[in-house]
């Protein structure tokens, strides 16, 4: 006898990779939304993300979310 169809829900992760633009020099780089270390701009050295224990505080402009 066949089993009844059951739909299994798989939760999606809340963390994402983000493409962020530096407010000082305009450099765009990819950072993790839940980073555990301070992320600095590779060109000018400004802080772009500060860890807060969960989701990071993003200090630049988020251009888009990557999948």
N, C-alpha and C. Protein backbone atom coordinates (compact mmCIF):
# COMPACT_ATOMS: atom_id res chain seq x y z
N UNK A 1 0.83 -1.17 0.00
CA UNK A 1 0.00 0.00 0.00
C UNK A 1 0.89 1.26 0.00
N UNK A 2 0.67 2.20 -0.93
CA UNK A 2 1.52 3.40 -0.99
C UNK A 2 1.27 4.33 0.20
N UNK A 3 2.34 5.04 0.56
CA UNK A 3 2.24 6.01 1.65
C UNK A 3 1.51 7.26 1.16
N UNK A 4 0.78 7.92 2.03
CA UNK A 4 0.14 9.17 1.62
C UNK A 4 1.20 10.25 1.40
N UNK A 5 0.93 11.13 0.47
CA UNK A 5 1.86 12.19 0.12
C UNK A 5 1.95 13.20 1.26
N UNK A 6 3.15 13.41 1.76
CA UNK A 6 3.37 14.43 2.79
C UNK A 6 4.41 15.40 2.28
N UNK A 7 4.14 16.65 2.47
CA UNK A 7 5.06 17.68 2.02
C UNK A 7 6.02 18.01 3.16
N UNK A 8 7.29 17.90 2.90
CA UNK A 8 8.31 18.18 3.90
C UNK A 8 8.85 19.59 3.64
N UNK A 9 8.76 20.43 4.65
CA UNK A 9 9.28 21.79 4.52
C UNK A 9 10.73 21.83 4.98
N UNK A 10 11.57 22.37 4.14
CA UNK A 10 12.99 22.52 4.46
C UNK A 10 13.25 24.00 4.68
N UNK A 11 13.70 24.39 5.86
CA UNK A 11 13.92 25.82 6.11
C UNK A 11 15.10 26.35 5.30
N UNK A 12 14.96 27.56 4.83
CA UNK A 12 16.03 28.22 4.09
C UNK A 12 16.92 28.96 5.07
N UNK A 13 18.20 29.06 4.81
CA UNK A 13 19.09 29.79 5.72
C UNK A 13 18.80 31.29 5.68
N UNK A 14 18.99 31.93 6.81
CA UNK A 14 18.75 33.37 6.89
C UNK A 14 19.99 34.18 6.53
N UNK A 15 21.13 33.53 6.46
CA UNK A 15 22.36 34.23 6.12
C UNK A 15 22.52 34.27 4.60
N UNK A 16 23.12 35.32 4.13
CA UNK A 16 23.32 35.51 2.69
C UNK A 16 24.69 36.15 2.45
N UNK A 17 25.13 36.08 1.22
CA UNK A 17 26.27 36.85 0.78
C UNK A 17 25.73 38.13 0.16
N UNK A 18 26.36 39.25 0.49
CA UNK A 18 25.89 40.55 0.03
C UNK A 18 26.97 41.25 -0.78
N UNK A 19 26.56 41.95 -1.82
CA UNK A 19 27.47 42.79 -2.57
C UNK A 19 27.29 44.20 -2.01
N UNK A 20 28.34 44.74 -1.40
CA UNK A 20 28.25 46.00 -0.66
C UNK A 20 29.19 47.02 -1.29
N UNK A 21 28.71 48.27 -1.41
CA UNK A 21 29.51 49.36 -1.96
C UNK A 21 30.04 50.22 -0.81
N UNK A 22 31.32 50.50 -0.83
CA UNK A 22 31.96 51.35 0.18
C UNK A 22 31.49 52.79 0.00
N UNK A 23 31.07 53.46 1.09
CA UNK A 23 30.60 54.84 0.96
C UNK A 23 31.72 55.84 0.67
N UNK A 24 32.97 55.50 0.97
CA UNK A 24 34.08 56.43 0.74
C UNK A 24 34.64 56.35 -0.67
N UNK A 25 35.05 55.14 -1.09
CA UNK A 25 35.74 55.02 -2.37
C UNK A 25 34.88 54.42 -3.48
N UNK A 26 33.72 53.84 -3.14
CA UNK A 26 32.84 53.26 -4.16
C UNK A 26 33.21 51.84 -4.57
N UNK A 27 34.18 51.25 -3.90
CA UNK A 27 34.57 49.87 -4.21
C UNK A 27 33.44 48.92 -3.82
N UNK A 28 33.15 47.94 -4.67
CA UNK A 28 32.14 46.93 -4.37
C UNK A 28 32.83 45.62 -4.06
N UNK A 29 32.43 45.00 -2.95
CA UNK A 29 32.98 43.69 -2.60
C UNK A 29 31.90 42.84 -1.96
N UNK A 30 32.13 41.54 -1.96
CA UNK A 30 31.16 40.58 -1.46
C UNK A 30 31.53 40.24 -0.03
N UNK A 31 30.54 40.36 0.88
CA UNK A 31 30.75 40.03 2.28
C UNK A 31 29.62 39.11 2.75
N UNK A 32 29.84 38.45 3.88
CA UNK A 32 28.86 37.54 4.46
C UNK A 32 27.99 38.34 5.43
N UNK A 33 26.68 38.11 5.41
CA UNK A 33 25.76 38.90 6.22
C UNK A 33 25.91 38.64 7.72
N UNK A 34 26.42 37.47 8.11
CA UNK A 34 26.59 37.13 9.52
C UNK A 34 28.08 36.95 9.83
N UNK A 35 28.91 37.89 9.41
CA UNK A 35 30.35 37.75 9.60
C UNK A 35 30.70 37.86 11.09
N UNK A 36 31.73 37.15 11.49
CA UNK A 36 32.14 37.13 12.89
C UNK A 36 33.38 37.98 13.13
N UNK A 37 33.91 38.60 12.09
CA UNK A 37 35.05 39.51 12.23
C UNK A 37 34.71 40.82 11.53
N UNK A 38 35.48 41.86 11.84
CA UNK A 38 35.28 43.15 11.18
C UNK A 38 35.74 43.03 9.73
N UNK A 39 34.89 43.45 8.81
CA UNK A 39 35.22 43.40 7.38
C UNK A 39 35.59 44.81 6.95
N UNK A 40 36.77 44.95 6.36
CA UNK A 40 37.25 46.25 5.91
C UNK A 40 37.27 46.30 4.38
N UNK A 41 37.15 47.52 3.87
CA UNK A 41 37.24 47.73 2.42
C UNK A 41 38.65 47.38 1.97
N UNK A 42 38.76 46.69 0.85
CA UNK A 42 40.06 46.26 0.35
C UNK A 42 40.86 47.41 -0.26
N UNK A 43 40.19 48.52 -0.62
CA UNK A 43 40.87 49.63 -1.26
C UNK A 43 41.28 50.69 -0.23
N UNK A 44 40.31 51.20 0.54
CA UNK A 44 40.60 52.32 1.44
C UNK A 44 40.72 51.92 2.91
N UNK A 45 40.28 50.72 3.28
CA UNK A 45 40.43 50.24 4.65
C UNK A 45 39.32 50.63 5.61
N UNK A 46 38.25 51.24 5.14
CA UNK A 46 37.14 51.62 6.00
C UNK A 46 36.35 50.37 6.44
N UNK A 47 35.81 50.40 7.66
CA UNK A 47 34.99 49.29 8.14
C UNK A 47 33.70 49.23 7.32
N UNK A 48 33.39 48.04 6.81
CA UNK A 48 32.17 47.86 6.03
C UNK A 48 31.15 47.01 6.75
N UNK A 49 31.58 46.15 7.69
CA UNK A 49 30.67 45.32 8.47
C UNK A 49 31.28 45.08 9.84
N UNK A 50 30.44 45.24 10.87
CA UNK A 50 30.87 45.03 12.24
C UNK A 50 30.02 43.92 12.84
N UNK A 51 30.64 42.88 13.43
CA UNK A 51 29.85 41.79 14.00
C UNK A 51 29.10 42.25 15.24
N UNK A 52 27.88 41.71 15.42
CA UNK A 52 27.07 42.06 16.58
C UNK A 52 26.60 40.83 17.33
N UNK A 53 27.10 39.67 17.01
CA UNK A 53 26.69 38.43 17.65
C UNK A 53 25.72 37.63 16.80
N UNK A 54 25.05 38.26 15.87
CA UNK A 54 24.15 37.59 14.94
C UNK A 54 24.41 38.17 13.57
N UNK A 55 23.44 38.90 13.06
CA UNK A 55 23.62 39.56 11.78
C UNK A 55 24.55 40.75 11.96
N UNK A 56 25.47 40.94 11.03
CA UNK A 56 26.44 42.03 11.12
C UNK A 56 25.78 43.37 10.83
N UNK A 57 26.34 44.41 11.41
CA UNK A 57 25.89 45.76 11.09
C UNK A 57 26.64 46.19 9.83
N UNK A 58 25.90 46.39 8.74
CA UNK A 58 26.49 46.74 7.45
C UNK A 58 26.60 48.26 7.39
N UNK A 59 27.82 48.78 7.16
CA UNK A 59 28.06 50.22 7.15
C UNK A 59 28.12 50.79 5.74
N UNK A 60 28.07 49.95 4.73
CA UNK A 60 28.07 50.41 3.35
C UNK A 60 26.68 50.29 2.75
N UNK A 61 26.60 50.55 1.45
CA UNK A 61 25.33 50.45 0.73
C UNK A 61 25.22 49.05 0.12
N UNK A 62 24.14 48.33 0.46
CA UNK A 62 23.93 46.98 -0.08
C UNK A 62 23.44 47.11 -1.52
N UNK A 63 24.23 46.63 -2.47
CA UNK A 63 23.88 46.69 -3.88
C UNK A 63 22.89 45.60 -4.22
N UNK A 64 23.18 44.35 -3.80
CA UNK A 64 22.25 43.25 -4.02
C UNK A 64 22.62 42.05 -3.16
N UNK A 65 21.66 41.14 -3.02
CA UNK A 65 21.89 39.90 -2.28
C UNK A 65 22.21 38.81 -3.31
N UNK A 66 23.23 38.02 -3.03
CA UNK A 66 23.60 36.94 -3.92
C UNK A 66 22.98 35.64 -3.44
N UNK A 67 22.70 34.75 -4.36
CA UNK A 67 22.10 33.47 -4.01
C UNK A 67 23.07 32.34 -4.22
